[in-house]
């Protein structure tokens, strides 16, 4: 059966998927048509935020934040770009405020609240994802 959030499959009638470890594989799987922003997969953010039209997921997603959950939230709100930051933050937008400045990937080192084995950015270091459509 399809998962209600984040895409993929989540068991079936009378069936359950079982995963070992703290990071279910669906936590890092992005919906079809989405990928990491390869020019700056870990980018410098600021108080002005990365996008010109930023939507912040806020508490609605903080405890379950993962890249896949953030992208699903942004898709549901009709945005074409997404970013995770700080371990529990999700941002959506359609246009970058400026060309993202790439950081060393080690700056995006905080575990996601929704899947501690998956990384969700850092302190003003945002992992960016974009839609190809």
C-alpha atoms as a PDB file:
ATOM      1  CA  UNK A   1       0.000   0.000   0.000  1.00  0.00           C
ATOM      2  CA  UNK A   2       1.252   3.553  -0.618  1.00  0.00           C
ATOM      3  CA  UNK A   3       2.571   5.533   2.351  1.00  0.00           C
ATOM      4  CA  UNK A   4       0.450   8.491   3.429  1.00  0.00           C
ATOM      5  CA  UNK A   5       3.534  10.734   3.649  1.00  0.00           C
ATOM      6  CA  UNK A   6       6.811  10.734   1.762  1.00  0.00           C
ATOM      7  CA  UNK A   7       5.919   8.291  -1.019  1.00  0.00           C
ATOM      8  CA  UNK A   8       6.981   4.681  -1.339  1.00  0.00           C
ATOM      9  CA  UNK A   9       5.206   1.663   0.076  1.00  0.00           C
ATOM     10  CA  UNK A  10       4.223   0.989   3.668  1.00  0.00           C
ATOM     11  CA  UNK A  11       3.167  -2.634   4.002  1.00  0.00           C
ATOM     12  CA  UNK A  12      -0.247  -3.887   2.956  1.00  0.00           C
ATOM     13  CA  UNK A  13      -3.420  -5.486   4.287  1.00  0.00           C
ATOM     14  CA  UNK A  14      -2.272  -7.708   7.138  1.00  0.00           C
ATOM     15  CA  UNK A  15       1.387  -6.972   6.258  1.00  0.00           C
ATOM     16  CA  UNK A  16       4.000  -4.755   7.846  1.00  0.00           C
ATOM     17  CA  UNK A  17       7.420  -3.720   6.553  1.00  0.00           C
ATOM     18  CA  UNK A  18      10.179  -4.218   9.122  1.00  0.00           C
ATOM     19  CA  UNK A  19      13.457  -2.284   9.072  1.00  0.00           C
ATOM     20  CA  UNK A  20      16.597  -2.694  11.142  1.00  0.00           C
ATOM     21  CA  UNK A  21      18.308   0.365  12.587  1.00  0.00           C
ATOM     22  CA  UNK A  22      17.179   3.910  13.252  1.00  0.00           C
ATOM     23  CA  UNK A  23      16.844   4.972   9.595  1.00  0.00           C
ATOM     24  CA  UNK A  24      14.027   3.427   7.560  1.00  0.00           C
ATOM     25  CA  UNK A  25      15.047   3.477   3.877  1.00  0.00           C
ATOM     26  CA  UNK A  26      12.080   5.669   2.891  1.00  0.00           C
ATOM     27  CA  UNK A  27      13.418   8.551   5.012  1.00  0.00           C
ATOM     28  CA  UNK A  28      15.931   9.553   2.339  1.00  0.00           C
ATOM     29  CA  UNK A  29      13.990   8.538  -0.790  1.00  0.00           C
ATOM     30  CA  UNK A  30      12.696  11.553  -2.681  1.00  0.00           C
ATOM     31  CA  UNK A  31       9.498  11.526  -4.733  1.00  0.00           C
ATOM     32  CA  UNK A  32       9.882  10.927  -8.481  1.00  0.00           C
ATOM     33  CA  UNK A  33      11.099  13.999 -10.353  1.00  0.00           C
ATOM     34  CA  UNK A  34      12.990  15.431  -7.356  1.00  0.00           C
ATOM     35  CA  UNK A  35      16.725  15.343  -6.683  1.00  0.00           C
ATOM     36  CA  UNK A  36      19.394  16.977  -4.575  1.00  0.00           C
ATOM     37  CA  UNK A  37      20.538  20.355  -5.928  1.00  0.00           C
ATOM     38  CA  UNK A  38      23.913  19.195  -7.228  1.00  0.00           C
ATOM     39  CA  UNK A  39      25.458  22.685  -7.640  1.00  0.00           C
ATOM     40  CA  UNK A  40      25.235  23.197  -3.862  1.00  0.00           C
ATOM     41  CA  UNK A  41      23.822  20.170  -2.019  1.00  0.00           C
ATOM     42  CA  UNK A  42      24.824  21.808   1.287  1.00  0.00           C
ATOM     43  CA  UNK A  43      24.463  25.582   1.014  1.00  0.00           C
ATOM     44  CA  UNK A  44      24.850  28.653   3.212  1.00  0.00           C
ATOM     45  CA  UNK A  45      21.494  29.976   4.439  1.00  0.00           C
ATOM     46  CA  UNK A  46      20.822  33.268   6.208  1.00  0.00           C
ATOM     47  CA  UNK A  47      18.157  34.976   8.296  1.00  0.00           C
ATOM     48  CA  UNK A  48      16.723  36.315   5.005  1.00  0.00           C
ATOM     49  CA  UNK A  49      16.216  32.651   3.944  1.00  0.00           C
ATOM     50  CA  UNK A  50      17.192  30.842   0.754  1.00  0.00           C
ATOM     51  CA  UNK A  51      14.016  31.418  -1.263  1.00  0.00           C
ATOM     52  CA  UNK A  52      12.281  34.641  -2.321  1.00  0.00           C
ATOM     53  CA  UNK A  53       8.891  33.123  -1.453  1.00  0.00           C
ATOM     54  CA  UNK A  54       9.721  31.003   1.585  1.00  0.00           C
ATOM     55  CA  UNK A  55       7.126  28.758   3.191  1.00  0.00           C
ATOM     56  CA  UNK A  56       8.271  27.329   6.525  1.00  0.00           C
ATOM     57  CA  UNK A  57       6.785  23.995   7.555  1.00  0.00           C
ATOM     58  CA  UNK A  58       7.223  24.873  11.233  1.00  0.00           C
ATOM     59  CA  UNK A  59       5.940  22.658  14.042  1.00  0.00           C
ATOM     60  CA  UNK A  60       3.708  20.733  11.610  1.00  0.00           C
ATOM     61  CA  UNK A  61       6.774  18.814  10.398  1.00  0.00           C
ATOM     62  CA  UNK A  62       9.531  19.430  12.991  1.00  0.00           C
ATOM     63  CA  UNK A  63       9.278  16.125  14.890  1.00  0.00           C
ATOM     64  CA  UNK A  64       9.085  13.996  11.725  1.00  0.00           C
ATOM     65  CA  UNK A  65      11.354  16.002   9.419  1.00  0.00           C
ATOM     66  CA  UNK A  66      13.370  14.139   6.758  1.00  0.00           C
ATOM     67  CA  UNK A  67      14.330  15.213   3.218  1.00  0.00           C
ATOM     68  CA  UNK A  68      11.502  13.063   1.803  1.00  0.00           C
ATOM     69  CA  UNK A  69       8.921  14.448   4.260  1.00  0.00           C
ATOM     70  CA  UNK A  70      10.008  18.022   3.546  1.00  0.00           C
ATOM     71  CA  UNK A  71       9.817  17.517  -0.225  1.00  0.00           C
ATOM     72  CA  UNK A  72       6.354  15.912   0.131  1.00  0.00           C
ATOM     73  CA  UNK A  73       5.222  18.931   2.197  1.00  0.00           C
ATOM     74  CA  UNK A  74       6.552  21.323  -0.464  1.00  0.00           C
ATOM     75  CA  UNK A  75       4.879  19.361  -3.275  1.00  0.00           C
ATOM     76  CA  UNK A  76       1.553  19.466  -1.404  1.00  0.00           C
ATOM     77  CA  UNK A  77       1.923  23.248  -1.208  1.00  0.00           C
ATOM     78  CA  UNK A  78       2.863  23.538  -4.915  1.00  0.00           C
ATOM     79  CA  UNK A  79       6.528  24.551  -4.532  1.00  0.00           C
ATOM     80  CA  UNK A  80       9.393  23.398  -6.770  1.00  0.00           C
ATOM     81  CA  UNK A  81      12.291  23.719  -4.317  1.00  0.00           C
ATOM     82  CA  UNK A  82      12.793  22.396  -0.790  1.00  0.00           C
ATOM     83  CA  UNK A  83      15.447  22.452   1.883  1.00  0.00           C
ATOM     84  CA  UNK A  84      16.098  20.877   5.265  1.00  0.00           C
ATOM     85  CA  UNK A  85      18.152  22.617   7.919  1.00  0.00           C
ATOM     86  CA  UNK A  86      18.946  22.398  11.606  1.00  0.00           C
ATOM     87  CA  UNK A  87      17.702  18.817  11.965  1.00  0.00           C
ATOM     88  CA  UNK A  88      14.048  19.837  12.256  1.00  0.00           C
ATOM     89  CA  UNK A  89      13.407  22.668   9.776  1.00  0.00           C
ATOM     90  CA  UNK A  90      11.799  22.453   6.320  1.00  0.00           C
ATOM     91  CA  UNK A  91      11.643  25.322   3.837  1.00  0.00           C
ATOM     92  CA  UNK A  92       9.858  25.519   0.479  1.00  0.00           C
ATOM     93  CA  UNK A  93      10.155  28.008  -2.386  1.00  0.00           C
ATOM     94  CA  UNK A  94      10.072  28.487  -6.134  1.00  0.00           C
ATOM     95  CA  UNK A  95      13.024  30.865  -6.670  1.00  0.00           C
ATOM     96  CA  UNK A  96      16.417  31.215  -5.015  1.00  0.00           C
ATOM     97  CA  UNK A  97      17.047  34.648  -3.464  1.00  0.00           C
ATOM     98  CA  UNK A  98      20.612  34.423  -4.853  1.00  0.00           C
ATOM     99  CA  UNK A  99      22.798  31.708  -6.311  1.00  0.00           C
ATOM    100  CA  UNK A 100      23.292  29.210  -3.466  1.00  0.00           C
ATOM    101  CA  UNK A 101      26.794  29.294  -1.979  1.00  0.00           C
ATOM    102  CA  UNK A 102      28.096  25.750  -1.579  1.00  0.00           C
ATOM    103  CA  UNK A 103      29.477  24.725   1.800  1.00  0.00           C
ATOM    104  CA  UNK A 104      31.632  21.749   2.651  1.00  0.00           C
ATOM    105  CA  UNK A 105      29.209  18.788   2.976  1.00  0.00           C
ATOM    106  CA  UNK A 106      30.446  18.271   6.539  1.00  0.00           C
ATOM    107  CA  UNK A 107      28.543  21.468   7.499  1.00  0.00           C
ATOM    108  CA  UNK A 108      25.246  19.603   6.908  1.00  0.00           C
ATOM    109  CA  UNK A 109      25.793  17.230   9.810  1.00  0.00           C
ATOM    110  CA  UNK A 110      22.673  17.330  11.995  1.00  0.00           C
ATOM    111  CA  UNK A 111      20.456  14.233  12.219  1.00  0.00           C
ATOM    112  CA  UNK A 112      16.841  14.526  11.106  1.00  0.00           C
ATOM    113  CA  UNK A 113      14.252  14.474  13.888  1.00  0.00           C
ATOM    114  CA  UNK A 114      12.176  12.038  11.834  1.00  0.00           C
ATOM    115  CA  UNK A 115      15.074   9.646  11.084  1.00  0.00           C
ATOM    116  CA  UNK A 116      18.222  10.092  13.185  1.00  0.00           C
ATOM    117  CA  UNK A 117      20.289   8.065  10.681  1.00  0.00           C
ATOM    118  CA  UNK A 118      19.576  10.644   7.934  1.00  0.00           C
ATOM    119  CA  UNK A 119      21.124  14.133   7.827  1.00  0.00           C
ATOM    120  CA  UNK A 120      19.015  17.306   7.736  1.00  0.00           C
ATOM    121  CA  UNK A 121      21.367  20.242   7.240  1.00  0.00           C
ATOM    122  CA  UNK A 122      23.218  22.171   9.904  1.00  0.00           C
ATOM    123  CA  UNK A 123      23.362  25.593  11.562  1.00  0.00           C
ATOM    124  CA  UNK A 124      22.377  27.945   8.691  1.00  0.00           C
ATOM    125  CA  UNK A 125      23.505  25.118   6.368  1.00  0.00           C
ATOM    126  CA  UNK A 126      20.648  23.902   4.175  1.00  0.00           C
ATOM    127  CA  UNK A 127      20.389  20.729   2.099  1.00  0.00           C
ATOM    128  CA  UNK A 128      18.611  21.699  -1.118  1.00  0.00           C
ATOM    129  CA  UNK A 129      16.297  19.660  -3.356  1.00  0.00           C
ATOM    130  CA  UNK A 130      14.665  20.664  -6.645  1.00  0.00           C
ATOM    131  CA  UNK A 131      11.975  19.403  -8.948  1.00  0.00           C
ATOM    132  CA  UNK A 132      12.883  18.632 -12.548  1.00  0.00           C
ATOM    133  CA  UNK A 133       9.370  19.527 -13.685  1.00  0.00           C
END
